[in-house]
Each structure stands twice: as C-alpha cells, then as structure tokens.
Amino acid sequence: MPASTDLREGLAEAFEVLAEEFQNGVTVKLCSQTANADTFTDLLTVSTKRFWEYSEYRKQLVLQIADADSSLTTAMASATHVKIDTTVYEIQNADTLPPAGTNPVWTIYATLFADRVGHYTNL
C-alpha cells in the first residue's frame, strides 16, 4: 500500500476519534446552490472521515475529508456550499483533485453564508 494511502487512512481514523468526541451527531453535507434562489441541493452527506475547525466565531471553517471515494470526487466537482446541520457555508476555495501523494485529504475553505433573500424580505 502506498504511503499516501496509509497516511490518508491514519488521518481518517484520527478524524473519526475527534468527530466522535467533538462533533458527535452533526450532519455534514456538500451542496450546490440553485441558480435563482438561496436554496440548495444536497449532493453528498459526508458522515465519516471528516473533521472541521471554525474560526472567527464560526464565520469561517476549514473542512478536511480523508477519503478518495469517487462519489466524493463527483460531489466536490459541483459543490458550492457546505451545510453543517442547518448552517450553510459558502465554499471559497477547495481542492479540485482527489487526495494523492503528499496531499492525503480533501480541504475546503468556507465562510458563513448570508441569506440574501431572507435578509431583504425582512427589511
């Protein structure tokens, strides 16, 4: 087994332990935004091998996924947002190639999504 696979599997195991301790019961979904509204289509639920960290009082997050499954590759190609339970984050930057070599995880940088439709209808 290549060293990158061993590293990815080790990180996946570590993510599972951390998620069980700190993110137990939380749902993570990759989503795409509809063209004409602030609604989202769920592309994939990421239920294992993931861990994220918040910054700036939950306004930003970094999500790492230690998986090279083809369904994840497909979802990553069209995902525009990440949903953590009911909170939506807009993807600002993300890996475009599956994990390989010295890059053993998918990494997504996202910021808290501002519900523009809800905001303007409440004015």
C-alpha atoms as a PDB file:
ATOM      1  CA  MET A   1       0.000   0.000   0.000  1.00  0.00           C
ATOM      2  CA  PRO A   2       1.406   3.439  -0.918  1.00  0.00           C
ATOM      3  CA  ALA A   3       2.482   5.729   1.904  1.00  0.00           C
ATOM      4  CA  SER A   4      -0.157   8.303   0.856  1.00  0.00           C
ATOM      5  CA  THR A   5      -2.909   5.710   1.357  1.00  0.00           C
ATOM      6  CA  ASP A   6      -1.512   4.799   4.785  1.00  0.00           C
ATOM      7  CA  LEU A   7      -1.426   8.490   5.709  1.00  0.00           C
ATOM      8  CA  ARG A   8      -4.990   9.097   4.460  1.00  0.00           C
ATOM      9  CA  GLU A   9      -6.280   6.067   6.392  1.00  0.00           C
ATOM     10  CA  GLY A  10      -4.449   7.215   9.534  1.00  0.00           C
ATOM     11  CA  LEU A  11      -5.982  10.680   9.234  1.00  0.00           C
ATOM     12  CA  ALA A  12      -9.406   9.145   8.625  1.00  0.00           C
ATOM     13  CA  GLU A  13      -9.071   7.187  11.858  1.00  0.00           C
ATOM     14  CA  ALA A  14      -7.954  10.302  13.744  1.00  0.00           C
ATOM     15  CA  PHE A  15     -10.849  12.317  12.272  1.00  0.00           C
ATOM     16  CA  GLU A  16     -13.285   9.625  13.447  1.00  0.00           C
ATOM     17  CA  VAL A  17     -11.974   9.819  17.014  1.00  0.00           C
ATOM     18  CA  LEU A  18     -12.078  13.638  17.030  1.00  0.00           C
ATOM     19  CA  ALA A  19     -15.535  13.764  15.439  1.00  0.00           C
ATOM     20  CA  GLU A  20     -16.913  11.324  17.990  1.00  0.00           C
ATOM     21  CA  GLU A  21     -15.552  13.478  20.799  1.00  0.00           C
ATOM     22  CA  PHE A  22     -16.306  16.977  19.480  1.00  0.00           C
ATOM     23  CA  GLN A  23     -18.774  16.686  16.578  1.00  0.00           C
ATOM     24  CA  ASN A  24     -20.940  13.737  17.554  1.00  0.00           C
ATOM     25  CA  GLY A  25     -24.342  13.661  15.828  1.00  0.00           C
ATOM     26  CA  VAL A  26     -23.565  16.554  13.481  1.00  0.00           C
ATOM     27  CA  THR A  27     -24.583  16.210   9.820  1.00  0.00           C
ATOM     28  CA  VAL A  28     -22.211  17.464   7.106  1.00  0.00           C
ATOM     29  CA  LYS A  29     -23.433  17.811   3.522  1.00  0.00           C
ATOM     30  CA  LEU A  30     -21.885  19.085   0.319  1.00  0.00           C
ATOM     31  CA  CYS A  31     -24.467  21.168  -1.553  1.00  0.00           C
ATOM     32  CA  SER A  32     -24.940  23.195  -4.692  1.00  0.00           C
ATOM     33  CA  GLN A  33     -26.889  26.440  -4.786  1.00  0.00           C
ATOM     34  CA  THR A  34     -29.850  26.772  -7.128  1.00  0.00           C
ATOM     35  CA  ALA A  35     -29.466  29.392  -9.833  1.00  0.00           C
ATOM     36  CA  ASN A  36     -32.403  31.640  -8.923  1.00  0.00           C
ATOM     37  CA  ALA A  37     -32.772  31.412  -5.149  1.00  0.00           C
ATOM     38  CA  ASP A  38     -30.963  30.877  -1.877  1.00  0.00           C
ATOM     39  CA  THR A  39     -31.926  27.211  -1.771  1.00  0.00           C
ATOM     40  CA  PHE A  40     -29.612  24.236  -2.006  1.00  0.00           C
ATOM     41  CA  THR A  41     -29.473  20.773  -3.485  1.00  0.00           C
ATOM     42  CA  ASP A  42     -27.749  18.190  -1.293  1.00  0.00           C
ATOM     43  CA  LEU A  43     -25.057  16.411  -3.316  1.00  0.00           C
ATOM     44  CA  LEU A  44     -23.485  14.154  -0.701  1.00  0.00           C
ATOM     45  CA  THR A  45     -23.657  13.529   3.029  1.00  0.00           C
ATOM     46  CA  VAL A  46     -20.163  13.197   4.483  1.00  0.00           C
ATOM     47  CA  SER A  47     -20.769  11.020   7.505  1.00  0.00           C
ATOM     48  CA  THR A  48     -17.282   9.660   8.178  1.00  0.00           C
ATOM     49  CA  LYS A  49     -13.595  10.504   7.765  1.00  0.00           C
ATOM     50  CA  ARG A  50     -14.164  14.255   8.180  1.00  0.00           C
ATOM     51  CA  PHE A  51     -13.222  16.936  10.643  1.00  0.00           C
ATOM     52  CA  TRP A  52     -13.566  20.702  10.613  1.00  0.00           C
ATOM     53  CA  GLU A  53     -12.444  23.682  12.592  1.00  0.00           C
ATOM     54  CA  TYR A  54     -14.191  27.007  12.989  1.00  0.00           C
ATOM     55  CA  SER A  55     -12.571  30.428  13.181  1.00  0.00           C
ATOM     56  CA  GLU A  56     -13.746  33.984  13.754  1.00  0.00           C
ATOM     57  CA  TYR A  57     -16.700  32.946  15.909  1.00  0.00           C
ATOM     58  CA  ARG A  58     -17.970  30.342  13.416  1.00  0.00           C
ATOM     59  CA  LYS A  59     -17.864  32.732  10.472  1.00  0.00           C
ATOM     60  CA  GLN A  60     -15.269  30.573   8.711  1.00  0.00           C
ATOM     61  CA  LEU A  61     -14.449  26.907   8.617  1.00  0.00           C
ATOM     62  CA  VAL A  62     -11.880  24.519   7.233  1.00  0.00           C
ATOM     63  CA  LEU A  63     -13.274  21.084   6.439  1.00  0.00           C
ATOM     64  CA  GLN A  64     -10.937  18.164   5.774  1.00  0.00           C
ATOM     65  CA  ILE A  65     -12.132  14.836   4.391  1.00  0.00           C
ATOM     66  CA  ALA A  66      -9.780  11.838   4.367  1.00  0.00           C
ATOM     67  CA  ASP A  67     -11.477   9.830   1.622  1.00  0.00           C
ATOM     68  CA  ALA A  68     -10.704   9.174  -2.036  1.00  0.00           C
ATOM     69  CA  ASP A  69     -14.110   7.694  -2.972  1.00  0.00           C
ATOM     70  CA  SER A  70     -15.332   8.522  -6.485  1.00  0.00           C
ATOM     71  CA  SER A  71     -18.714   9.785  -5.194  1.00  0.00           C
ATOM     72  CA  LEU A  72     -16.843  12.405  -3.178  1.00  0.00           C
ATOM     73  CA  THR A  73     -14.824  13.401  -6.248  1.00  0.00           C
ATOM     74  CA  THR A  74     -18.068  13.861  -8.198  1.00  0.00           C
ATOM     75  CA  ALA A  75     -19.694  15.927  -5.433  1.00  0.00           C
ATOM     76  CA  MET A  76     -16.596  18.100  -4.989  1.00  0.00           C
ATOM     77  CA  ALA A  77     -16.688  18.996  -8.694  1.00  0.00           C
ATOM     78  CA  SER A  78     -20.041  20.767  -8.342  1.00  0.00           C
ATOM     79  CA  ALA A  79     -20.328  21.676  -4.645  1.00  0.00           C
ATOM     80  CA  THR A  80     -20.700  25.383  -3.932  1.00  0.00           C
ATOM     81  CA  HIS A  81     -21.657  25.164  -0.246  1.00  0.00           C
ATOM     82  CA  VAL A  82     -21.205  23.044   2.881  1.00  0.00           C
ATOM     83  CA  LYS A  83     -24.074  22.512   5.307  1.00  0.00           C
ATOM     84  CA  ILE A  84     -23.199  21.775   8.947  1.00  0.00           C
ATOM     85  CA  ASP A  85     -26.552  20.687  10.392  1.00  0.00           C
ATOM     86  CA  THR A  86     -28.700  23.678   9.319  1.00  0.00           C
ATOM     87  CA  THR A  87     -25.925  26.272   8.997  1.00  0.00           C
ATOM     88  CA  VAL A  88     -24.708  26.900   5.456  1.00  0.00           C
ATOM     89  CA  TYR A  89     -21.182  27.934   4.478  1.00  0.00           C
ATOM     90  CA  GLU A  90     -20.148  29.145   1.039  1.00  0.00           C
ATOM     91  CA  ILE A  91     -17.090  27.410  -0.389  1.00  0.00           C
ATOM     92  CA  GLN A  92     -14.380  29.992  -1.047  1.00  0.00           C
ATOM     93  CA  ASN A  93     -11.599  27.611  -2.035  1.00  0.00           C
ATOM     94  CA  ALA A  94     -11.380  23.836  -2.270  1.00  0.00           C
ATOM     95  CA  ASP A  95      -9.264  21.061  -3.683  1.00  0.00           C
ATOM     96  CA  THR A  96     -10.166  20.113  -7.224  1.00  0.00           C
ATOM     97  CA  LEU A  97      -8.193  16.880  -7.420  1.00  0.00           C
ATOM     98  CA  PRO A  98      -8.697  13.764  -5.294  1.00  0.00           C
ATOM     99  CA  PRO A  99      -6.263  13.115  -2.448  1.00  0.00           C
ATOM    100  CA  ALA A 100      -2.960  11.649  -3.604  1.00  0.00           C
ATOM    101  CA  GLY A 101       0.714  11.718  -2.740  1.00  0.00           C
ATOM    102  CA  THR A 102       1.593  14.321  -0.131  1.00  0.00           C
ATOM    103  CA  ASN A 103      -1.950  15.732  -0.169  1.00  0.00           C
ATOM    104  CA  PRO A 104      -3.915  12.944   1.588  1.00  0.00           C
ATOM    105  CA  VAL A 105      -7.187  14.810   2.264  1.00  0.00           C
ATOM    106  CA  TRP A 106      -9.752  16.995   0.539  1.00  0.00           C
ATOM    107  CA  THR A 107      -9.593  20.502   2.038  1.00  0.00           C
ATOM    108  CA  ILE A 108     -12.438  23.020   1.822  1.00  0.00           C
ATOM    109  CA  TYR A 109     -12.285  26.647   2.994  1.00  0.00           C
ATOM    110  CA  ALA A 110     -15.703  28.214   3.521  1.00  0.00           C
ATOM    111  CA  THR A 111     -17.358  31.287   5.016  1.00  0.00           C
ATOM    112  CA  LEU A 112     -20.735  31.668   6.667  1.00  0.00           C
ATOM    113  CA  PHE A 113     -23.419  32.094   4.010  1.00  0.00           C
ATOM    114  CA  ALA A 114     -25.512  35.252   4.240  1.00  0.00           C
ATOM    115  CA  ASP A 115     -29.152  34.507   3.401  1.00  0.00           C
ATOM    116  CA  ARG A 116     -29.689  37.380   0.993  1.00  0.00           C
ATOM    117  CA  VAL A 117     -33.327  36.547   0.179  1.00  0.00           C
ATOM    118  CA  GLY A 118     -34.289  36.266   3.867  1.00  0.00           C
ATOM    119  CA  HIS A 119     -32.362  39.416   4.664  1.00  0.00           C
ATOM    120  CA  TYR A 120     -34.060  41.556   2.006  1.00  0.00           C
ATOM    121  CA  THR A 121     -37.565  40.212   2.631  1.00  0.00           C
ATOM    122  CA  ASN A 122     -37.240  41.093   6.321  1.00  0.00           C
ATOM    123  CA  LEU A 123     -36.374  44.772   5.676  1.00  0.00           C
END
